[in-house]
N, C-alpha and C. Protein backbone atom coordinates (compact mmCIF):
# COMPACT_ATOMS: atom_id res chain seq x y z
N UNK A 1 0.85 -1.18 0.00
CA UNK A 1 0.00 0.00 0.00
C UNK A 1 0.89 1.23 0.00
N UNK A 2 0.65 2.10 -0.94
CA UNK A 2 1.37 3.36 -1.01
C UNK A 2 0.42 4.48 -0.65
N UNK A 3 0.96 5.52 -0.05
CA UNK A 3 0.15 6.67 0.29
C UNK A 3 1.03 7.82 0.69
N UNK A 4 0.39 8.97 0.87
CA UNK A 4 1.11 10.15 1.31
C UNK A 4 0.15 11.06 2.07
N UNK A 5 0.73 11.99 2.80
CA UNK A 5 -0.05 12.97 3.55
C UNK A 5 0.23 14.33 2.94
N UNK A 6 -0.84 15.05 2.57
CA UNK A 6 -0.69 16.36 1.95
C UNK A 6 -1.49 17.39 2.73
N UNK A 7 -0.99 18.63 2.74
CA UNK A 7 -1.68 19.73 3.40
C UNK A 7 -2.77 20.23 2.48
N UNK A 8 -3.99 20.37 3.02
CA UNK A 8 -5.12 20.89 2.25
C UNK A 8 -5.84 21.92 3.08
N UNK A 9 -5.69 23.17 2.73
CA UNK A 9 -6.34 24.23 3.48
C UNK A 9 -5.82 24.27 4.91
N UNK A 10 -6.74 24.18 5.88
CA UNK A 10 -6.36 24.19 7.29
C UNK A 10 -6.08 22.80 7.84
N UNK A 11 -6.28 21.78 7.03
CA UNK A 11 -6.12 20.41 7.51
C UNK A 11 -5.14 19.63 6.66
N UNK A 12 -5.22 18.31 6.82
CA UNK A 12 -4.35 17.40 6.10
C UNK A 12 -5.19 16.30 5.47
N UNK A 13 -4.67 15.71 4.43
CA UNK A 13 -5.36 14.60 3.77
C UNK A 13 -4.40 13.44 3.62
N UNK A 14 -4.91 12.26 3.90
CA UNK A 14 -4.18 11.02 3.66
C UNK A 14 -4.65 10.51 2.31
N UNK A 15 -3.72 10.33 1.37
CA UNK A 15 -4.05 9.86 0.03
C UNK A 15 -3.48 8.46 -0.13
N UNK A 16 -4.35 7.50 -0.39
CA UNK A 16 -3.95 6.11 -0.59
C UNK A 16 -4.02 5.82 -2.08
N UNK A 17 -2.92 5.33 -2.64
CA UNK A 17 -2.87 4.99 -4.06
C UNK A 17 -3.29 3.53 -4.24
N UNK A 18 -4.31 3.29 -5.05
CA UNK A 18 -4.87 1.96 -5.23
C UNK A 18 -4.51 1.34 -6.57
N UNK A 19 -3.56 1.90 -7.27
CA UNK A 19 -3.17 1.36 -8.57
C UNK A 19 -4.04 1.94 -9.68
N UNK A 20 -4.09 1.23 -10.78
CA UNK A 20 -4.87 1.70 -11.94
C UNK A 20 -6.14 0.88 -12.12
N UNK A 21 -7.15 1.56 -12.62
CA UNK A 21 -8.41 0.89 -12.95
C UNK A 21 -8.16 0.02 -14.18
N UNK A 22 -8.47 -1.29 -14.11
CA UNK A 22 -8.18 -2.16 -15.25
C UNK A 22 -8.98 -1.82 -16.51
N UNK A 23 -10.12 -1.20 -16.36
CA UNK A 23 -10.95 -0.89 -17.53
C UNK A 23 -10.53 0.41 -18.20
N UNK A 24 -10.31 1.46 -17.40
CA UNK A 24 -10.01 2.77 -17.98
C UNK A 24 -8.52 3.09 -17.99
N UNK A 25 -7.74 2.46 -17.14
CA UNK A 25 -6.32 2.75 -17.06
C UNK A 25 -5.99 3.97 -16.21
N UNK A 26 -7.01 4.59 -15.62
CA UNK A 26 -6.79 5.78 -14.79
C UNK A 26 -6.31 5.38 -13.40
N UNK A 27 -5.55 6.29 -12.76
CA UNK A 27 -5.09 6.06 -11.39
C UNK A 27 -6.28 6.11 -10.45
N UNK A 28 -6.27 5.23 -9.45
CA UNK A 28 -7.32 5.23 -8.44
C UNK A 28 -6.70 5.65 -7.11
N UNK A 29 -7.41 6.53 -6.38
CA UNK A 29 -6.94 7.01 -5.09
C UNK A 29 -8.12 7.12 -4.14
N UNK A 30 -7.81 7.03 -2.84
CA UNK A 30 -8.81 7.32 -1.80
C UNK A 30 -8.24 8.43 -0.94
N UNK A 31 -9.08 9.39 -0.64
CA UNK A 31 -8.69 10.54 0.17
C UNK A 31 -9.41 10.49 1.50
N UNK A 32 -8.68 10.70 2.59
CA UNK A 32 -9.25 10.77 3.93
C UNK A 32 -8.82 12.11 4.54
N UNK A 33 -9.78 12.95 4.90
CA UNK A 33 -9.47 14.27 5.45
C UNK A 33 -9.32 14.20 6.97
N UNK A 34 -8.37 14.98 7.49
CA UNK A 34 -8.11 15.05 8.92
C UNK A 34 -7.79 16.48 9.32
N UNK A 35 -8.02 16.79 10.58
CA UNK A 35 -7.73 18.14 11.08
C UNK A 35 -6.25 18.35 11.34
N UNK A 36 -5.56 17.30 11.78
CA UNK A 36 -4.14 17.43 12.09
C UNK A 36 -3.33 16.37 11.35
N UNK A 37 -2.04 16.65 11.21
CA UNK A 37 -1.14 15.69 10.57
C UNK A 37 -1.03 14.42 11.41
N UNK A 38 -1.07 14.59 12.72
CA UNK A 38 -0.97 13.44 13.62
C UNK A 38 -2.14 12.47 13.41
N UNK A 39 -3.35 12.98 13.22
CA UNK A 39 -4.51 12.13 12.95
C UNK A 39 -4.33 11.38 11.62
N UNK A 40 -3.81 12.08 10.62
CA UNK A 40 -3.59 11.45 9.31
C UNK A 40 -2.54 10.34 9.42
N UNK A 41 -1.47 10.59 10.17
CA UNK A 41 -0.44 9.57 10.35
C UNK A 41 -0.98 8.36 11.11
N UNK A 42 -1.83 8.61 12.10
CA UNK A 42 -2.41 7.51 12.88
C UNK A 42 -3.29 6.64 11.98
N UNK A 43 -4.10 7.26 11.13
CA UNK A 43 -4.94 6.46 10.24
C UNK A 43 -4.10 5.72 9.21
N UNK A 44 -3.02 6.33 8.74
CA UNK A 44 -2.15 5.64 7.80
C UNK A 44 -1.57 4.37 8.43
N UNK A 45 -1.14 4.46 9.68
CA UNK A 45 -0.60 3.30 10.38
C UNK A 45 -1.68 2.24 10.56
N UNK A 46 -2.89 2.67 10.92
CA UNK A 46 -4.01 1.74 11.12
C UNK A 46 -4.35 1.03 9.81
N UNK A 47 -4.39 1.75 8.70
CA UNK A 47 -4.70 1.14 7.41
C UNK A 47 -3.60 0.17 6.98
N UNK A 48 -2.35 0.51 7.27
CA UNK A 48 -1.25 -0.37 6.91
C UNK A 48 -1.35 -1.70 7.65
N UNK A 49 -1.68 -1.64 8.95
CA UNK A 49 -1.86 -2.87 9.74
C UNK A 49 -3.02 -3.68 9.19
N UNK A 50 -4.10 -3.00 8.84
CA UNK A 50 -5.28 -3.69 8.32
C UNK A 50 -4.98 -4.38 6.99
N UNK A 51 -4.26 -3.72 6.11
CA UNK A 51 -3.93 -4.30 4.81
C UNK A 51 -2.98 -5.48 4.99
N UNK A 52 -2.00 -5.36 5.90
CA UNK A 52 -1.05 -6.45 6.14
C UNK A 52 -1.74 -7.66 6.77
N UNK A 53 -2.83 -7.44 7.48
CA UNK A 53 -3.56 -8.54 8.11
C UNK A 53 -4.49 -9.25 7.12
N UNK A 54 -4.52 -8.77 5.89
CA UNK A 54 -5.31 -9.45 4.87
C UNK A 54 -6.57 -8.71 4.48
N UNK A 55 -6.85 -7.61 5.11
CA UNK A 55 -8.03 -6.83 4.76
C UNK A 55 -7.71 -5.83 3.67
N UNK A 56 -8.71 -5.18 3.17
CA UNK A 56 -8.51 -4.16 2.15
C UNK A 56 -8.67 -2.78 2.76
N UNK A 57 -8.58 -1.79 1.93
CA UNK A 57 -8.81 -0.41 2.37
C UNK A 57 -10.31 -0.19 2.43
N UNK A 58 -10.84 0.24 3.59
CA UNK A 58 -12.29 0.41 3.69
C UNK A 58 -12.79 1.55 2.80
N UNK A 59 -14.01 1.47 2.32
CA UNK A 59 -14.56 2.54 1.50
C UNK A 59 -14.59 3.86 2.25
N UNK A 60 -14.25 4.94 1.58
CA UNK A 60 -14.18 6.25 2.23
C UNK A 60 -15.57 6.76 2.60
N UNK A 61 -16.57 6.43 1.84
CA UNK A 61 -17.91 6.95 2.06
C UNK A 61 -18.84 5.93 2.71
N UNK A 62 -18.28 4.95 3.40
CA UNK A 62 -19.09 3.94 4.05
C UNK A 62 -19.94 4.58 5.14
N UNK A 63 -21.23 4.38 5.09
CA UNK A 63 -22.15 4.94 6.09
C UNK A 63 -22.20 4.02 7.30
N UNK A 64 -22.54 4.60 8.44
CA UNK A 64 -22.58 3.85 9.70
C UNK A 64 -23.57 2.69 9.60
N UNK A 65 -24.72 2.91 8.98
CA UNK A 65 -25.73 1.86 8.85
C UNK A 65 -25.20 0.66 8.06
N UNK A 66 -24.44 0.94 6.99
CA UNK A 66 -23.85 -0.14 6.21
C UNK A 66 -22.79 -0.88 7.02
N UNK A 67 -22.03 -0.13 7.81
CA UNK A 67 -21.02 -0.75 8.65
C UNK A 67 -21.67 -1.66 9.69
N UNK A 68 -22.79 -1.23 10.29
CA UNK A 68 -23.49 -2.05 11.28
C UNK A 68 -23.90 -3.39 10.66
N UNK A 69 -24.45 -3.34 9.44
CA UNK A 69 -24.85 -4.57 8.76
C UNK A 69 -23.65 -5.49 8.50
N UNK A 70 -22.56 -4.88 8.05
CA UNK A 70 -21.34 -5.64 7.77
C UNK A 70 -20.79 -6.26 9.05
N UNK A 71 -20.82 -5.51 10.14
CA UNK A 71 -20.31 -6.00 11.42
C UNK A 71 -21.13 -7.18 11.91
N UNK A 72 -22.46 -7.08 11.79
CA UNK A 72 -23.32 -8.19 12.19
C UNK A 72 -22.99 -9.46 11.40
N UNK A 73 -22.81 -9.30 10.10
CA UNK A 73 -22.57 -10.46 9.24
C UNK A 73 -21.16 -11.04 9.43
N UNK A 74 -20.15 -10.18 9.46
CA UNK A 74 -18.76 -10.65 9.48
C UNK A 74 -18.26 -11.03 10.87
N UNK A 75 -18.66 -10.30 11.88
CA UNK A 75 -18.11 -10.56 13.21
C UNK A 75 -19.11 -11.24 14.15
N UNK A 76 -20.22 -10.57 14.39
CA UNK A 76 -21.14 -11.01 15.43
C UNK A 76 -21.75 -12.38 15.12
N UNK A 77 -22.03 -12.67 13.87
CA UNK A 77 -22.68 -13.93 13.52
C UNK A 77 -21.87 -15.14 13.95
N UNK A 78 -20.56 -15.05 13.95
CA UNK A 78 -19.74 -16.19 14.32
C UNK A 78 -19.15 -16.11 15.71
N UNK A 79 -19.38 -15.01 16.41
CA UNK A 79 -18.70 -14.81 17.69
C UNK A 79 -19.62 -14.87 18.91
N UNK A 80 -20.93 -14.78 18.70
CA UNK A 80 -21.85 -14.73 19.83
C UNK A 80 -22.96 -15.76 19.67
N UNK A 81 -23.66 -16.00 20.75
CA UNK A 81 -24.79 -16.93 20.72
C UNK A 81 -25.94 -16.36 19.89
N UNK A 82 -26.83 -17.24 19.47
CA UNK A 82 -27.96 -16.84 18.62
C UNK A 82 -28.82 -15.77 19.31
N UNK A 83 -29.12 -15.94 20.58
CA UNK A 83 -29.96 -14.97 21.28
C UNK A 83 -29.28 -13.60 21.39
N UNK A 84 -27.97 -13.61 21.58
CA UNK A 84 -27.22 -12.35 21.64
C UNK A 84 -27.22 -11.68 20.28
N UNK A 85 -27.05 -12.46 19.22
CA UNK A 85 -27.08 -11.91 17.87
C UNK A 85 -28.42 -11.27 17.58
N UNK A 86 -29.52 -11.92 17.98
CA UNK A 86 -30.85 -11.35 17.79
C UNK A 86 -30.99 -10.02 18.51
N UNK A 87 -30.45 -9.94 19.72
CA UNK A 87 -30.52 -8.70 20.50
C UNK A 87 -29.70 -7.60 19.82
N UNK A 88 -28.51 -7.95 19.33
CA UNK A 88 -27.69 -6.97 18.60
C UNK A 88 -28.44 -6.45 17.37
N UNK A 89 -29.08 -7.35 16.64
CA UNK A 89 -29.85 -6.95 15.46
C UNK A 89 -30.97 -5.98 15.84
N UNK A 90 -31.66 -6.25 16.94
CA UNK A 90 -32.74 -5.38 17.40
C UNK A 90 -32.21 -4.01 17.80
N UNK A 91 -31.11 -3.97 18.52
CA UNK A 91 -30.53 -2.70 18.96
C UNK A 91 -30.12 -1.87 17.75
N UNK A 92 -29.49 -2.51 16.78
CA UNK A 92 -29.06 -1.79 15.59
C UNK A 92 -30.26 -1.29 14.79
N UNK A 93 -31.26 -2.15 14.60
CA UNK A 93 -32.43 -1.79 13.80
C UNK A 93 -33.27 -0.70 14.46
N UNK A 94 -33.47 -0.79 15.77
CA UNK A 94 -34.37 0.13 16.46
C UNK A 94 -33.71 1.43 16.92
N UNK A 95 -32.42 1.38 17.26
CA UNK A 95 -31.81 2.55 17.88
C UNK A 95 -30.65 3.16 17.07
N UNK A 96 -29.69 2.33 16.69
CA UNK A 96 -28.49 2.87 16.05
C UNK A 96 -28.72 3.34 14.62
N UNK A 97 -29.37 2.52 13.80
CA UNK A 97 -29.58 2.91 12.41
C UNK A 97 -30.43 4.18 12.26
N UNK A 98 -31.54 4.31 12.98
CA UNK A 98 -32.31 5.54 12.83
C UNK A 98 -31.54 6.79 13.26
N UNK A 99 -30.69 6.67 14.26
CA UNK A 99 -29.97 7.84 14.77
C UNK A 99 -28.67 8.11 14.02
N UNK A 100 -27.94 7.06 13.65
CA UNK A 100 -26.59 7.23 13.10
C UNK A 100 -26.39 6.64 11.71
N UNK A 101 -27.36 5.91 11.20
CA UNK A 101 -27.18 5.15 9.97
C UNK A 101 -26.83 5.97 8.75
N UNK A 102 -27.23 7.23 8.69
CA UNK A 102 -27.00 8.07 7.51
C UNK A 102 -25.65 8.79 7.54
N UNK A 103 -24.94 8.74 8.67
CA UNK A 103 -23.68 9.48 8.84
C UNK A 103 -22.52 8.66 8.27
N UNK A 104 -21.64 9.31 7.48
CA UNK A 104 -20.45 8.59 7.02
C UNK A 104 -19.61 8.14 8.21
N UNK A 105 -19.08 6.94 8.13
CA UNK A 105 -18.32 6.36 9.23
C UNK A 105 -17.11 7.22 9.59
N UNK A 106 -16.51 7.87 8.61
CA UNK A 106 -15.34 8.69 8.87
C UNK A 106 -15.67 9.95 9.66
N UNK A 107 -16.93 10.33 9.75
CA UNK A 107 -17.34 11.53 10.48
C UNK A 107 -17.69 11.26 11.94
N UNK A 108 -17.84 10.00 12.32
CA UNK A 108 -18.19 9.67 13.69
C UNK A 108 -16.98 9.82 14.61
N UNK A 109 -17.21 10.41 15.75
CA UNK A 109 -16.17 10.55 16.77
C UNK A 109 -16.75 10.13 18.11
N UNK A 110 -15.89 10.01 19.08
CA UNK A 110 -16.35 9.62 20.42
C UNK A 110 -17.30 10.66 20.96
C-alpha cells in the first residue's frame, strides 16, 4: 500500500494509491481528510496494519448503517450466541440505524 499525507487548506489529507483501474487505465486514489497531521499519520498506520492482516482499504464513504450490517454479518454472527445476535440486530435496527445510519463512518467521533 502506497500513500502520502498532503496539506489541504487548514487540515491534512491522507491519500492512498490503489493502482490503476483495469478498464479505464486511470489512477485510483482514496482521500481521507483530517484536522491534524498526527490524525492522518495515525490512520495511515491503522490502514497499513489492516492491509497487512489481509483486509482491504475500507470505502471512504461507508455509512454507519452499512457498517453495522457488515459488522453483524462478518463478526457477530460467528462470535456470539444466537440470542445475543438477535438482540444486537434489534438494537441496531431500532436505535443505532435511525440515529446514526446516515452518517459517514469517517465523520463519527467519540
